[in-house]
Amino acid sequence: MAAYLAQTCRLLEQFKTYYIRQIPRSENSHTDTLSRLASAIDDRVGRHVPIEVLARWSTTEVDVNTVRQDPSWMDPIRAHLTDGTLPTEKAEANAVR
């Protein structure tokens, strides 16, 4: 998705002005109806999802890899799940549990 965002930003630079607006579901009845229909389909009938295999990438963005990773709120949870360690602070340990 980041590659599509970057491509979109590059394309938007070609316009003098533009306006982006999120359309609420209540104002987009066709999409709302389609989403309700898709969730109401009986699974016994079966769903067919067409898959298109692209011969080449649709964007020219290169992959970006993380070089430096700062501490995250997920680190204590990951440590608890992988090796059972908990933070020393009681309230924080309870939150992780």
N, C-alpha and C. Protein backbone atom coordinates (compact mmCIF):
# COMPACT_ATOMS: atom_id res chain seq x y z
N MET A 1 0.82 -1.19 0.00
CA MET A 1 0.00 0.00 0.00
C MET A 1 0.87 1.26 0.00
N ALA A 2 2.03 1.18 0.63
CA ALA A 2 2.92 2.34 0.66
C ALA A 2 3.37 2.71 -0.75
N ALA A 3 3.59 1.71 -1.58
CA ALA A 3 4.02 1.98 -2.96
C ALA A 3 2.90 2.69 -3.73
N TYR A 4 1.64 2.29 -3.50
CA TYR A 4 0.53 2.95 -4.18
C TYR A 4 0.36 4.38 -3.67
N LEU A 5 0.57 4.59 -2.37
CA LEU A 5 0.48 5.94 -1.83
C LEU A 5 1.55 6.83 -2.44
N ALA A 6 2.77 6.34 -2.54
CA ALA A 6 3.86 7.12 -3.13
C ALA A 6 3.56 7.45 -4.60
N GLN A 7 3.06 6.47 -5.33
CA GLN A 7 2.70 6.68 -6.74
C GLN A 7 1.60 7.72 -6.86
N THR A 8 0.60 7.65 -5.98
CA THR A 8 -0.50 8.61 -5.99
C THR A 8 0.01 10.01 -5.70
N CYS A 9 0.90 10.14 -4.73
CA CYS A 9 1.45 11.46 -4.40
C CYS A 9 2.22 12.04 -5.57
N ARG A 10 2.96 11.21 -6.29
CA ARG A 10 3.68 11.68 -7.47
C ARG A 10 2.71 12.15 -8.56
N LEU A 11 1.64 11.41 -8.76
CA LEU A 11 0.66 11.80 -9.77
C LEU A 11 -0.07 13.08 -9.38
N LEU A 12 -0.36 13.25 -8.09
CA LEU A 12 -1.07 14.44 -7.64
C LEU A 12 -0.23 15.71 -7.83
N GLU A 13 1.09 15.57 -7.85
CA GLU A 13 1.95 16.74 -8.06
C GLU A 13 1.73 17.35 -9.45
N GLN A 14 1.17 16.59 -10.38
CA GLN A 14 0.95 17.08 -11.73
C GLN A 14 -0.29 17.98 -11.83
N PHE A 15 -1.13 17.98 -10.79
CA PHE A 15 -2.34 18.81 -10.79
C PHE A 15 -2.08 20.12 -10.05
N LYS A 16 -2.72 21.18 -10.52
CA LYS A 16 -2.61 22.46 -9.82
C LYS A 16 -3.38 22.41 -8.51
N THR A 17 -4.57 21.86 -8.54
CA THR A 17 -5.38 21.70 -7.32
C THR A 17 -6.09 20.36 -7.38
N TYR A 18 -6.40 19.85 -6.23
CA TYR A 18 -7.21 18.64 -6.13
C TYR A 18 -7.88 18.62 -4.77
N TYR A 19 -8.90 17.79 -4.66
CA TYR A 19 -9.68 17.70 -3.44
C TYR A 19 -9.96 16.22 -3.17
N ILE A 20 -9.63 15.77 -1.98
CA ILE A 20 -9.88 14.38 -1.61
C ILE A 20 -10.91 14.38 -0.49
N ARG A 21 -11.94 13.57 -0.66
CA ARG A 21 -13.00 13.52 0.34
C ARG A 21 -13.43 12.07 0.54
N GLN A 22 -13.54 11.65 1.79
CA GLN A 22 -14.06 10.32 2.07
C GLN A 22 -15.58 10.39 2.02
N ILE A 23 -16.16 9.49 1.27
CA ILE A 23 -17.61 9.48 1.12
C ILE A 23 -18.20 8.57 2.19
N PRO A 24 -19.08 9.09 3.04
CA PRO A 24 -19.69 8.25 4.07
C PRO A 24 -20.54 7.14 3.44
N ARG A 25 -20.64 6.03 4.14
CA ARG A 25 -21.43 4.91 3.62
C ARG A 25 -22.86 5.32 3.32
N SER A 26 -23.40 6.20 4.15
CA SER A 26 -24.80 6.61 3.96
C SER A 26 -25.02 7.34 2.64
N GLU A 27 -23.95 7.91 2.09
CA GLU A 27 -24.05 8.61 0.81
C GLU A 27 -23.60 7.75 -0.37
N ASN A 28 -23.25 6.52 -0.11
CA ASN A 28 -22.78 5.64 -1.18
C ASN A 28 -23.56 4.33 -1.10
N SER A 29 -24.82 4.39 -1.44
CA SER A 29 -25.72 3.26 -1.26
C SER A 29 -25.34 2.05 -2.12
N HIS A 30 -24.75 2.26 -3.29
CA HIS A 30 -24.37 1.14 -4.15
C HIS A 30 -23.29 0.28 -3.47
N THR A 31 -22.28 0.94 -2.94
CA THR A 31 -21.20 0.21 -2.27
C THR A 31 -21.71 -0.45 -1.00
N ASP A 32 -22.56 0.25 -0.26
CA ASP A 32 -23.11 -0.31 0.97
C ASP A 32 -23.93 -1.56 0.67
N THR A 33 -24.75 -1.50 -0.37
CA THR A 33 -25.57 -2.65 -0.76
C THR A 33 -24.69 -3.81 -1.20
N LEU A 34 -23.66 -3.53 -1.97
CA LEU A 34 -22.75 -4.57 -2.43
C LEU A 34 -22.04 -5.24 -1.25
N SER A 35 -21.60 -4.45 -0.26
CA SER A 35 -20.92 -5.04 0.90
C SER A 35 -21.88 -5.90 1.72
N ARG A 36 -23.11 -5.47 1.86
CA ARG A 36 -24.11 -6.28 2.59
C ARG A 36 -24.43 -7.57 1.83
N LEU A 37 -24.52 -7.48 0.53
CA LEU A 37 -24.79 -8.66 -0.29
C LEU A 37 -23.66 -9.67 -0.18
N ALA A 38 -22.43 -9.19 -0.23
CA ALA A 38 -21.27 -10.07 -0.15
C ALA A 38 -21.21 -10.79 1.18
N SER A 39 -21.59 -10.11 2.26
CA SER A 39 -21.54 -10.75 3.58
C SER A 39 -22.73 -11.68 3.82
N ALA A 40 -23.79 -11.54 3.02
CA ALA A 40 -24.98 -12.36 3.20
C ALA A 40 -25.02 -13.59 2.31
N ILE A 41 -24.03 -13.78 1.44
CA ILE A 41 -24.02 -14.92 0.52
C ILE A 41 -23.92 -16.21 1.31
N ASP A 42 -24.75 -17.17 0.95
CA ASP A 42 -24.74 -18.48 1.60
C ASP A 42 -23.48 -19.22 1.19
N ASP A 43 -22.69 -19.65 2.18
CA ASP A 43 -21.43 -20.33 1.89
C ASP A 43 -21.62 -21.67 1.18
N ARG A 44 -22.78 -22.28 1.31
CA ARG A 44 -23.02 -23.56 0.65
C ARG A 44 -23.09 -23.40 -0.87
N VAL A 45 -23.46 -22.21 -1.31
CA VAL A 45 -23.53 -21.94 -2.74
C VAL A 45 -22.13 -21.83 -3.31
N GLY A 46 -21.24 -21.29 -2.50
CA GLY A 46 -19.85 -21.13 -2.93
C GLY A 46 -19.60 -19.75 -3.48
N ARG A 47 -18.42 -19.30 -3.25
CA ARG A 47 -18.03 -17.98 -3.74
C ARG A 47 -16.89 -18.16 -4.73
N HIS A 48 -16.94 -17.45 -5.80
CA HIS A 48 -15.88 -17.49 -6.79
C HIS A 48 -15.19 -16.13 -6.78
N VAL A 49 -13.93 -16.13 -6.47
CA VAL A 49 -13.17 -14.90 -6.43
C VAL A 49 -12.14 -14.96 -7.55
N PRO A 50 -12.30 -14.11 -8.58
CA PRO A 50 -11.31 -14.13 -9.66
C PRO A 50 -9.98 -13.57 -9.17
N ILE A 51 -8.91 -14.21 -9.55
CA ILE A 51 -7.57 -13.77 -9.18
C ILE A 51 -6.82 -13.43 -10.45
N GLU A 52 -6.28 -12.24 -10.49
CA GLU A 52 -5.51 -11.80 -11.64
C GLU A 52 -4.03 -11.81 -11.27
N VAL A 53 -3.23 -12.52 -12.02
CA VAL A 53 -1.79 -12.56 -11.79
C VAL A 53 -1.15 -11.56 -12.73
N LEU A 54 -0.46 -10.59 -12.14
CA LEU A 54 0.17 -9.55 -12.94
C LEU A 54 1.52 -10.02 -13.45
N ALA A 55 1.80 -9.72 -14.70
CA ALA A 55 3.08 -10.10 -15.29
C ALA A 55 4.21 -9.23 -14.76
N ARG A 56 3.88 -8.00 -14.34
CA ARG A 56 4.89 -7.12 -13.77
C ARG A 56 4.23 -6.28 -12.68
N TRP A 57 5.05 -5.67 -11.85
CA TRP A 57 4.54 -4.85 -10.75
C TRP A 57 3.75 -3.68 -11.31
N SER A 58 2.73 -3.26 -10.59
CA SER A 58 1.93 -2.12 -11.04
C SER A 58 2.52 -0.80 -10.57
N THR A 59 3.54 -0.83 -9.72
CA THR A 59 4.24 0.39 -9.33
C THR A 59 5.73 0.18 -9.55
N THR A 60 6.44 1.28 -9.60
CA THR A 60 7.88 1.17 -9.81
C THR A 60 8.65 1.44 -8.52
N GLU A 61 7.95 1.49 -7.39
CA GLU A 61 8.59 1.73 -6.10
C GLU A 61 9.44 0.53 -5.70
N VAL A 62 10.57 0.82 -5.11
CA VAL A 62 11.43 -0.25 -4.59
C VAL A 62 10.98 -0.60 -3.18
N ASP A 63 11.28 -1.82 -2.76
CA ASP A 63 10.94 -2.22 -1.40
C ASP A 63 11.75 -1.43 -0.39
N VAL A 64 11.14 -1.12 0.73
CA VAL A 64 11.82 -0.40 1.80
C VAL A 64 11.91 -1.33 2.99
N ASN A 65 13.11 -1.49 3.51
CA ASN A 65 13.32 -2.34 4.68
C ASN A 65 13.67 -1.50 5.88
N THR A 66 13.26 -1.96 7.05
CA THR A 66 13.55 -1.24 8.28
C THR A 66 15.03 -1.39 8.62
N VAL A 67 15.70 -0.26 8.83
CA VAL A 67 17.11 -0.28 9.18
C VAL A 67 17.27 -0.20 10.69
N ARG A 68 16.47 0.63 11.33
CA ARG A 68 16.54 0.82 12.76
C ARG A 68 15.15 0.65 13.34
N GLN A 69 15.03 -0.09 14.41
CA GLN A 69 13.73 -0.31 15.02
C GLN A 69 13.76 0.20 16.45
N ASP A 70 12.96 1.23 16.72
CA ASP A 70 12.88 1.78 18.06
C ASP A 70 12.05 0.86 18.94
N PRO A 71 12.18 0.98 20.27
CA PRO A 71 11.34 0.16 21.15
C PRO A 71 9.86 0.40 20.87
N SER A 72 9.10 -0.65 20.95
CA SER A 72 7.68 -0.60 20.63
C SER A 72 6.86 -1.03 21.84
N TRP A 73 5.60 -0.63 21.87
CA TRP A 73 4.71 -1.05 22.94
C TRP A 73 4.46 -2.55 22.88
N MET A 74 4.77 -3.16 21.73
CA MET A 74 4.55 -4.60 21.57
C MET A 74 5.69 -5.44 22.14
N ASP A 75 6.83 -4.83 22.39
CA ASP A 75 8.00 -5.59 22.85
C ASP A 75 7.75 -6.38 24.14
N PRO A 76 7.15 -5.80 25.19
CA PRO A 76 6.89 -6.59 26.40
C PRO A 76 5.94 -7.76 26.14
N ILE A 77 4.96 -7.56 25.28
CA ILE A 77 4.01 -8.63 24.96
C ILE A 77 4.72 -9.75 24.22
N ARG A 78 5.55 -9.38 23.25
CA ARG A 78 6.31 -10.37 22.50
C ARG A 78 7.24 -11.16 23.42
N ALA A 79 7.91 -10.46 24.35
CA ALA A 79 8.81 -11.13 25.28
C ALA A 79 8.05 -12.10 26.17
N HIS A 80 6.86 -11.72 26.60
CA HIS A 80 6.05 -12.60 27.44
C HIS A 80 5.60 -13.84 26.66
N LEU A 81 5.21 -13.65 25.42
CA LEU A 81 4.73 -14.78 24.62
C LEU A 81 5.86 -15.72 24.20
N THR A 82 7.05 -15.17 23.95
CA THR A 82 8.14 -16.02 23.46
C THR A 82 8.91 -16.70 24.58
N ASP A 83 9.24 -15.95 25.65
CA ASP A 83 10.04 -16.59 26.70
C ASP A 83 9.47 -16.42 28.10
N GLY A 84 8.24 -15.94 28.22
CA GLY A 84 7.57 -15.88 29.51
C GLY A 84 8.01 -14.76 30.44
N THR A 85 8.83 -13.82 29.98
CA THR A 85 9.28 -12.74 30.85
C THR A 85 8.22 -11.65 30.94
N LEU A 86 8.15 -11.03 32.12
CA LEU A 86 7.20 -9.95 32.37
C LEU A 86 7.97 -8.72 32.86
N PRO A 87 7.41 -7.53 32.67
CA PRO A 87 8.05 -6.32 33.21
C PRO A 87 8.12 -6.39 34.74
N THR A 88 9.08 -5.69 35.32
CA THR A 88 9.25 -5.73 36.77
C THR A 88 8.17 -4.95 37.50
N GLU A 89 7.64 -3.93 36.88
CA GLU A 89 6.57 -3.13 37.48
C GLU A 89 5.28 -3.93 37.49
N LYS A 90 4.61 -4.01 38.66
CA LYS A 90 3.44 -4.88 38.82
C LYS A 90 2.28 -4.48 37.90
N ALA A 91 1.99 -3.19 37.81
CA ALA A 91 0.87 -2.74 36.97
C ALA A 91 1.14 -3.04 35.50
N GLU A 92 2.37 -2.82 35.08
CA GLU A 92 2.73 -3.09 33.69
C GLU A 92 2.69 -4.58 33.39
N ALA A 93 3.12 -5.40 34.35
CA ALA A 93 3.07 -6.85 34.18
C ALA A 93 1.63 -7.34 34.06
N ASN A 94 0.73 -6.78 34.88
CA ASN A 94 -0.69 -7.15 34.79
C ASN A 94 -1.27 -6.75 33.43
N ALA A 95 -0.86 -5.60 32.94
CA ALA A 95 -1.36 -5.15 31.63
C ALA A 95 -0.88 -6.07 30.52
N VAL A 96 0.36 -6.54 30.62
CA VAL A 96 0.88 -7.44 29.60
C VAL A 96 0.17 -8.79 29.66
N ARG A 97 -0.10 -9.26 30.87
CA ARG A 97 -0.82 -10.54 31.01
C ARG A 97 -2.20 -10.43 30.40
